[in-house]
Amino acid sequence: MLLSHPGKPLLDHLKNVFLIGDCILMRKKTGFENFSEEDVRELNRLNLLTHDLGKATSYFQYYIRSVDSNSQKNDEKKTRSFIRGFIL
């Protein structure tokens, strides 16, 4: 099982972020006049569901499961932003 945070499954985290983000977007409903609501929601969904894909790397999974995570705080291999850069 992939984790997003200690003891929290990544899939659950992504679903929760999506549900909260979609709710916020639907309340806002302004500033997107040039796009259809469907297109905006789809882009938002894609963004929210992929925002932490870097956490699926073996480096991050090792880090998040590590008992002594302080010793790895500056380990650039655990960063999740690297994979995110490819998506954007």
N, C-alpha and C. Protein backbone atom coordinates (compact mmCIF):
# COMPACT_ATOMS: atom_id res chain seq x y z
N MET A 1 0.85 -1.18 0.00
CA MET A 1 0.00 0.00 0.00
C MET A 1 0.89 1.24 0.00
N LEU A 2 0.60 2.15 -0.89
CA LEU A 2 1.33 3.41 -0.95
C LEU A 2 0.78 4.38 0.09
N LEU A 3 1.67 5.12 0.72
CA LEU A 3 1.27 6.08 1.75
C LEU A 3 1.51 7.51 1.27
N SER A 4 0.66 8.42 1.73
CA SER A 4 0.87 9.85 1.46
C SER A 4 1.46 10.52 2.69
N HIS A 5 1.07 10.04 3.84
CA HIS A 5 1.51 10.54 5.14
C HIS A 5 1.66 9.30 6.02
N PRO A 6 2.36 9.38 7.13
CA PRO A 6 2.49 8.19 7.98
C PRO A 6 1.13 7.58 8.31
N GLY A 7 0.93 6.32 7.92
CA GLY A 7 -0.29 5.61 8.21
C GLY A 7 -1.49 5.98 7.36
N LYS A 8 -1.32 6.85 6.35
CA LYS A 8 -2.46 7.28 5.52
C LYS A 8 -2.24 6.83 4.07
N PRO A 9 -3.15 6.00 3.54
CA PRO A 9 -3.02 5.55 2.16
C PRO A 9 -3.07 6.71 1.17
N LEU A 10 -2.19 6.66 0.19
CA LEU A 10 -2.12 7.70 -0.83
C LEU A 10 -3.44 7.83 -1.58
N LEU A 11 -4.07 6.71 -1.91
CA LEU A 11 -5.33 6.77 -2.64
C LEU A 11 -6.41 7.50 -1.85
N ASP A 12 -6.50 7.24 -0.56
CA ASP A 12 -7.48 7.95 0.29
C ASP A 12 -7.19 9.43 0.31
N HIS A 13 -5.91 9.79 0.43
CA HIS A 13 -5.51 11.20 0.45
C HIS A 13 -5.91 11.90 -0.84
N LEU A 14 -5.62 11.27 -1.97
CA LEU A 14 -5.95 11.89 -3.26
C LEU A 14 -7.46 12.05 -3.44
N LYS A 15 -8.22 11.05 -3.04
CA LYS A 15 -9.68 11.15 -3.13
C LYS A 15 -10.21 12.29 -2.26
N ASN A 16 -9.70 12.39 -1.04
CA ASN A 16 -10.16 13.45 -0.13
C ASN A 16 -9.81 14.84 -0.66
N VAL A 17 -8.60 14.98 -1.18
CA VAL A 17 -8.18 16.26 -1.75
C VAL A 17 -9.09 16.62 -2.92
N PHE A 18 -9.40 15.63 -3.75
CA PHE A 18 -10.28 15.88 -4.88
C PHE A 18 -11.67 16.33 -4.42
N LEU A 19 -12.24 15.62 -3.48
CA LEU A 19 -13.60 15.95 -3.02
C LEU A 19 -13.66 17.35 -2.42
N ILE A 20 -12.67 17.70 -1.63
CA ILE A 20 -12.63 19.03 -1.02
C ILE A 20 -12.41 20.10 -2.09
N GLY A 21 -11.45 19.85 -2.98
CA GLY A 21 -11.15 20.82 -4.04
C GLY A 21 -12.30 21.03 -5.00
N ASP A 22 -13.00 19.96 -5.34
CA ASP A 22 -14.14 20.08 -6.25
C ASP A 22 -15.27 20.87 -5.58
N CYS A 23 -15.46 20.62 -4.30
CA CYS A 23 -16.49 21.36 -3.55
C CYS A 23 -16.16 22.86 -3.52
N ILE A 24 -14.92 23.18 -3.28
CA ILE A 24 -14.49 24.59 -3.27
C ILE A 24 -14.69 25.22 -4.64
N LEU A 25 -14.31 24.50 -5.69
CA LEU A 25 -14.47 25.02 -7.05
C LEU A 25 -15.94 25.28 -7.36
N MET A 26 -16.80 24.36 -7.01
CA MET A 26 -18.22 24.51 -7.34
C MET A 26 -18.87 25.65 -6.56
N ARG A 27 -18.35 25.96 -5.40
CA ARG A 27 -18.86 27.12 -4.65
C ARG A 27 -18.41 28.42 -5.29
N LYS A 28 -17.20 28.43 -5.81
CA LYS A 28 -16.63 29.65 -6.38
C LYS A 28 -17.35 30.04 -7.66
N LYS A 29 -17.30 29.20 -8.65
CA LYS A 29 -18.00 29.38 -9.93
C LYS A 29 -17.83 30.76 -10.55
N THR A 30 -16.71 31.40 -10.34
CA THR A 30 -16.45 32.67 -11.01
C THR A 30 -15.04 32.66 -11.57
N GLY A 31 -14.83 33.47 -12.56
CA GLY A 31 -13.50 33.59 -13.15
C GLY A 31 -13.22 32.58 -14.26
N PHE A 32 -14.22 31.79 -14.63
CA PHE A 32 -14.02 30.79 -15.67
C PHE A 32 -15.02 30.96 -16.81
N GLU A 33 -15.38 32.17 -17.10
CA GLU A 33 -16.43 32.44 -18.08
C GLU A 33 -16.07 31.96 -19.48
N ASN A 34 -14.79 31.86 -19.80
CA ASN A 34 -14.37 31.45 -21.14
C ASN A 34 -14.28 29.94 -21.32
N PHE A 35 -14.59 29.20 -20.27
CA PHE A 35 -14.51 27.74 -20.31
C PHE A 35 -15.81 27.13 -19.81
N SER A 36 -16.12 25.96 -20.30
CA SER A 36 -17.32 25.29 -19.81
C SER A 36 -17.06 24.76 -18.39
N GLU A 37 -18.14 24.62 -17.64
CA GLU A 37 -18.03 24.09 -16.28
C GLU A 37 -17.42 22.69 -16.31
N GLU A 38 -17.79 21.89 -17.29
CA GLU A 38 -17.25 20.53 -17.42
C GLU A 38 -15.74 20.56 -17.62
N ASP A 39 -15.26 21.44 -18.50
CA ASP A 39 -13.81 21.53 -18.75
C ASP A 39 -13.04 21.97 -17.51
N VAL A 40 -13.57 22.95 -16.82
CA VAL A 40 -12.91 23.44 -15.61
C VAL A 40 -12.87 22.35 -14.54
N ARG A 41 -13.96 21.66 -14.37
CA ARG A 41 -14.00 20.59 -13.37
C ARG A 41 -13.05 19.45 -13.74
N GLU A 42 -12.97 19.13 -15.02
CA GLU A 42 -12.07 18.06 -15.47
C GLU A 42 -10.61 18.44 -15.24
N LEU A 43 -10.25 19.67 -15.57
CA LEU A 43 -8.88 20.13 -15.32
C LEU A 43 -8.57 20.15 -13.82
N ASN A 44 -9.52 20.60 -13.04
CA ASN A 44 -9.36 20.63 -11.60
C ASN A 44 -9.18 19.21 -11.05
N ARG A 45 -9.99 18.29 -11.55
CA ARG A 45 -9.90 16.89 -11.12
C ARG A 45 -8.53 16.31 -11.45
N LEU A 46 -8.06 16.55 -12.66
CA LEU A 46 -6.74 16.06 -13.07
C LEU A 46 -5.64 16.63 -12.17
N ASN A 47 -5.71 17.91 -11.90
CA ASN A 47 -4.72 18.56 -11.06
C ASN A 47 -4.73 18.00 -9.64
N LEU A 48 -5.91 17.88 -9.07
CA LEU A 48 -6.02 17.42 -7.68
C LEU A 48 -5.65 15.96 -7.52
N LEU A 49 -6.02 15.12 -8.47
CA LEU A 49 -5.72 13.69 -8.35
C LEU A 49 -4.27 13.36 -8.64
N THR A 50 -3.54 14.27 -9.29
CA THR A 50 -2.14 13.99 -9.61
C THR A 50 -1.16 14.82 -8.78
N HIS A 51 -1.65 15.65 -7.88
CA HIS A 51 -0.78 16.58 -7.17
C HIS A 51 0.30 15.89 -6.33
N ASP A 52 0.09 14.68 -5.90
CA ASP A 52 1.06 13.97 -5.06
C ASP A 52 1.55 12.67 -5.67
N LEU A 53 1.54 12.54 -6.99
CA LEU A 53 1.98 11.30 -7.60
C LEU A 53 3.44 10.98 -7.27
N GLY A 54 4.23 12.00 -7.03
CA GLY A 54 5.63 11.78 -6.66
C GLY A 54 5.77 10.98 -5.38
N LYS A 55 4.72 10.97 -4.58
CA LYS A 55 4.77 10.20 -3.34
C LYS A 55 4.71 8.70 -3.60
N ALA A 56 4.44 8.31 -4.82
CA ALA A 56 4.40 6.89 -5.17
C ALA A 56 5.80 6.34 -5.47
N THR A 57 6.81 7.19 -5.49
CA THR A 57 8.16 6.70 -5.77
C THR A 57 8.67 5.87 -4.61
N SER A 58 9.55 4.94 -4.93
CA SER A 58 10.12 4.09 -3.88
C SER A 58 10.91 4.92 -2.88
N TYR A 59 11.54 5.99 -3.34
CA TYR A 59 12.32 6.85 -2.45
C TYR A 59 11.41 7.48 -1.39
N PHE A 60 10.28 8.03 -1.84
CA PHE A 60 9.38 8.67 -0.88
C PHE A 60 8.75 7.64 0.03
N GLN A 61 8.38 6.49 -0.50
CA GLN A 61 7.76 5.45 0.33
C GLN A 61 8.73 4.96 1.41
N TYR A 62 10.00 4.83 1.05
CA TYR A 62 10.99 4.46 2.06
C TYR A 62 11.08 5.55 3.13
N TYR A 63 11.11 6.79 2.68
CA TYR A 63 11.20 7.93 3.59
C TYR A 63 10.01 7.98 4.55
N ILE A 64 8.80 7.84 4.03
CA ILE A 64 7.60 8.00 4.86
C ILE A 64 7.46 6.85 5.86
N ARG A 65 8.05 5.72 5.52
CA ARG A 65 8.00 4.57 6.43
C ARG A 65 9.19 4.53 7.39
N SER A 66 10.13 5.39 7.17
CA SER A 66 11.35 5.39 7.97
C SER A 66 11.05 5.78 9.42
N VAL A 67 11.64 5.05 10.34
CA VAL A 67 11.47 5.37 11.76
C VAL A 67 12.15 6.68 12.10
N ASP A 68 13.33 6.89 11.52
CA ASP A 68 14.10 8.10 11.80
C ASP A 68 14.10 9.00 10.57
N SER A 69 12.95 9.62 10.27
CA SER A 69 12.85 10.44 9.07
C SER A 69 13.69 11.71 9.17
N ASN A 70 14.08 12.14 10.36
CA ASN A 70 14.92 13.33 10.49
C ASN A 70 16.25 13.16 9.78
N SER A 71 16.78 11.95 9.73
CA SER A 71 18.08 11.73 9.09
C SER A 71 17.99 11.87 7.57
N GLN A 72 16.77 11.88 7.02
CA GLN A 72 16.59 11.95 5.57
C GLN A 72 15.92 13.25 5.14
N LYS A 73 15.79 14.22 6.00
CA LYS A 73 15.05 15.44 5.67
C LYS A 73 15.55 16.13 4.40
N ASN A 74 16.83 16.08 4.14
CA ASN A 74 17.38 16.78 2.98
C ASN A 74 17.67 15.85 1.81
N ASP A 75 17.14 14.66 1.83
CA ASP A 75 17.37 13.70 0.77
C ASP A 75 16.53 14.09 -0.45
N GLU A 76 17.18 14.57 -1.50
CA GLU A 76 16.44 15.04 -2.67
C GLU A 76 15.71 13.92 -3.40
N LYS A 77 16.08 12.66 -3.17
CA LYS A 77 15.41 11.54 -3.82
C LYS A 77 13.98 11.36 -3.33
N LYS A 78 13.67 11.85 -2.15
CA LYS A 78 12.33 11.66 -1.60
C LYS A 78 11.35 12.73 -2.09
N THR A 79 11.86 13.75 -2.73
CA THR A 79 10.99 14.84 -3.15
C THR A 79 9.94 14.36 -4.15
N ARG A 80 8.74 14.88 -4.01
CA ARG A 80 7.66 14.50 -4.92
C ARG A 80 7.48 15.53 -6.03
N SER A 81 8.18 16.65 -5.95
CA SER A 81 7.99 17.70 -6.95
C SER A 81 8.63 17.35 -8.28
N PHE A 82 9.63 16.47 -8.27
CA PHE A 82 10.32 16.11 -9.51
C PHE A 82 9.35 15.49 -10.52
N ILE A 83 8.60 14.49 -10.09
CA ILE A 83 7.64 13.82 -11.00
C ILE A 83 6.50 14.77 -11.37
N ARG A 84 6.13 15.63 -10.47
CA ARG A 84 5.04 16.59 -10.72
C ARG A 84 5.43 17.52 -11.86
N GLY A 85 6.70 17.84 -11.99
CA GLY A 85 7.16 18.71 -13.06
C GLY A 85 6.91 18.14 -14.44
N PHE A 86 6.95 16.83 -14.56
CA PHE A 86 6.67 16.20 -15.85
C PHE A 86 5.20 16.31 -16.23
N ILE A 87 4.33 16.29 -15.24
CA ILE A 87 2.90 16.35 -15.50
C ILE A 87 2.51 17.75 -15.94
N LEU A 88 3.08 18.76 -15.30
CA LEU A 88 2.73 20.12 -15.63
C LEU A 88 3.42 20.51 -16.92
